[in-house]
Amino acid sequence: MKNIIQRVQEPTPRFFRKIRNAGLLLTAVSGAVLTAPVTLPAVLITAAGYLALAGAIASAISQTAVNSEGQP
């Protein structure tokens, strides 16, 4: 557990920061669709739920990526 906390606190490489931000954006958009005050088709609600899950997973995984010691 200590290793995971240490990895999250270290700087994230540029590519994985982009993936993290895209995942956060995807989660935010799907959250807005899920909480929309209008009635939406069930297919759209289901897809938004899956996109929220995918965005959250992509953000969490990409946050733990770190530069190896041999690379700049």
C-alpha atoms as a PDB file:
ATOM      1  CA  MET A   1       0.000   0.000   0.000  1.00  0.00           C
ATOM      2  CA  LYS A   2       2.871   2.346   0.775  1.00  0.00           C
ATOM      3  CA  ASN A   3       4.232   1.807  -2.760  1.00  0.00           C
ATOM      4  CA  ILE A   4       0.921   2.860  -4.332  1.00  0.00           C
ATOM      5  CA  ILE A   5       0.725   6.029  -2.243  1.00  0.00           C
ATOM      6  CA  GLN A   6       4.296   6.880  -3.189  1.00  0.00           C
ATOM      7  CA  ARG A   7       3.567   6.325  -6.907  1.00  0.00           C
ATOM      8  CA  VAL A   8       0.505   8.582  -6.804  1.00  0.00           C
ATOM      9  CA  GLN A   9       2.523  11.390  -5.208  1.00  0.00           C
ATOM     10  CA  GLU A  10       5.318  11.259  -7.813  1.00  0.00           C
ATOM     11  CA  PRO A  11       5.128  13.306 -11.031  1.00  0.00           C
ATOM     12  CA  THR A  12       3.041  11.768 -13.813  1.00  0.00           C
ATOM     13  CA  PRO A  13       4.521  11.580 -17.352  1.00  0.00           C
ATOM     14  CA  ARG A  14       3.021  13.927 -19.931  1.00  0.00           C
ATOM     15  CA  PHE A  15       1.264  11.205 -21.970  1.00  0.00           C
ATOM     16  CA  PHE A  16      -0.454   9.791 -18.906  1.00  0.00           C
ATOM     17  CA  ARG A  17      -1.496  13.264 -17.743  1.00  0.00           C
ATOM     18  CA  LYS A  18      -3.357  13.617 -21.044  1.00  0.00           C
ATOM     19  CA  ILE A  19      -5.053  10.252 -20.505  1.00  0.00           C
ATOM     20  CA  ARG A  20      -5.921  11.227 -16.922  1.00  0.00           C
ATOM     21  CA  ASN A  21      -7.445  14.518 -18.045  1.00  0.00           C
ATOM     22  CA  ALA A  22      -9.392  12.824 -20.848  1.00  0.00           C
ATOM     23  CA  GLY A  23     -10.720  10.302 -18.344  1.00  0.00           C
ATOM     24  CA  LEU A  24     -11.795  13.075 -15.990  1.00  0.00           C
ATOM     25  CA  LEU A  25     -13.517  14.886 -18.852  1.00  0.00           C
ATOM     26  CA  LEU A  26     -15.276  11.691 -19.921  1.00  0.00           C
ATOM     27  CA  THR A  27     -16.452  11.088 -16.376  1.00  0.00           C
ATOM     28  CA  ALA A  28     -17.710  14.666 -16.033  1.00  0.00           C
ATOM     29  CA  VAL A  29     -19.639  14.585 -19.306  1.00  0.00           C
ATOM     30  CA  SER A  30     -21.236  11.246 -18.525  1.00  0.00           C
ATOM     31  CA  GLY A  31     -22.105  12.484 -15.043  1.00  0.00           C
ATOM     32  CA  ALA A  32     -23.862  15.476 -16.600  1.00  0.00           C
ATOM     33  CA  VAL A  33     -25.820  13.153 -18.892  1.00  0.00           C
ATOM     34  CA  LEU A  34     -26.780  10.908 -15.981  1.00  0.00           C
ATOM     35  CA  THR A  35     -28.049  13.813 -13.894  1.00  0.00           C
ATOM     36  CA  ALA A  36     -29.826  15.629 -16.730  1.00  0.00           C
ATOM     37  CA  PRO A  37     -33.237  16.955 -15.660  1.00  0.00           C
ATOM     38  CA  VAL A  38     -34.871  15.678 -18.846  1.00  0.00           C
ATOM     39  CA  THR A  39     -35.945  12.161 -19.773  1.00  0.00           C
ATOM     40  CA  LEU A  40     -33.332  10.473 -21.944  1.00  0.00           C
ATOM     41  CA  PRO A  41     -33.441   7.111 -23.741  1.00  0.00           C
ATOM     42  CA  ALA A  42     -32.336   4.103 -21.710  1.00  0.00           C
ATOM     43  CA  VAL A  43     -29.538   3.361 -24.192  1.00  0.00           C
ATOM     44  CA  LEU A  44     -28.019   6.792 -23.586  1.00  0.00           C
ATOM     45  CA  ILE A  45     -28.235   6.403 -19.810  1.00  0.00           C
ATOM     46  CA  THR A  46     -26.607   2.960 -19.980  1.00  0.00           C
ATOM     47  CA  ALA A  47     -23.818   4.218 -22.262  1.00  0.00           C
ATOM     48  CA  ALA A  48     -23.184   7.177 -19.950  1.00  0.00           C
ATOM     49  CA  GLY A  49     -22.826   4.798 -17.016  1.00  0.00           C
ATOM     50  CA  TYR A  50     -20.249   2.716 -18.853  1.00  0.00           C
ATOM     51  CA  LEU A  51     -18.371   5.830 -19.975  1.00  0.00           C
ATOM     52  CA  ALA A  52     -18.265   7.119 -16.414  1.00  0.00           C
ATOM     53  CA  LEU A  53     -16.763   3.831 -15.275  1.00  0.00           C
ATOM     54  CA  ALA A  54     -14.218   3.801 -18.124  1.00  0.00           C
ATOM     55  CA  GLY A  55     -13.206   7.410 -17.432  1.00  0.00           C
ATOM     56  CA  ALA A  56     -12.755   6.766 -13.729  1.00  0.00           C
ATOM     57  CA  ILE A  57     -10.628   3.682 -14.370  1.00  0.00           C
ATOM     58  CA  ALA A  58      -8.487   5.454 -16.987  1.00  0.00           C
ATOM     59  CA  SER A  59      -7.891   8.360 -14.616  1.00  0.00           C
ATOM     60  CA  ALA A  60      -6.982   6.146 -11.682  1.00  0.00           C
ATOM     61  CA  ILE A  61      -4.634   3.900 -13.654  1.00  0.00           C
ATOM     62  CA  SER A  62      -2.867   6.749 -15.457  1.00  0.00           C
ATOM     63  CA  GLN A  63      -2.283   8.599 -12.176  1.00  0.00           C
ATOM     64  CA  THR A  64      -0.085   5.749 -10.925  1.00  0.00           C
ATOM     65  CA  ALA A  65       2.268   5.864 -13.958  1.00  0.00           C
ATOM     66  CA  VAL A  66       5.722   7.244 -13.177  1.00  0.00           C
ATOM     67  CA  ASN A  67       8.946   7.794 -15.122  1.00  0.00           C
ATOM     68  CA  SER A  68      11.425   5.002 -14.657  1.00  0.00           C
ATOM     69  CA  GLU A  69      14.775   6.001 -13.169  1.00  0.00           C
ATOM     70  CA  GLY A  70      16.708   5.348 -16.388  1.00  0.00           C
ATOM     71  CA  GLN A  71      14.624   7.666 -18.572  1.00  0.00           C
ATOM     72  CA  PRO A  72      14.608  11.484 -18.523  1.00  0.00           C
END
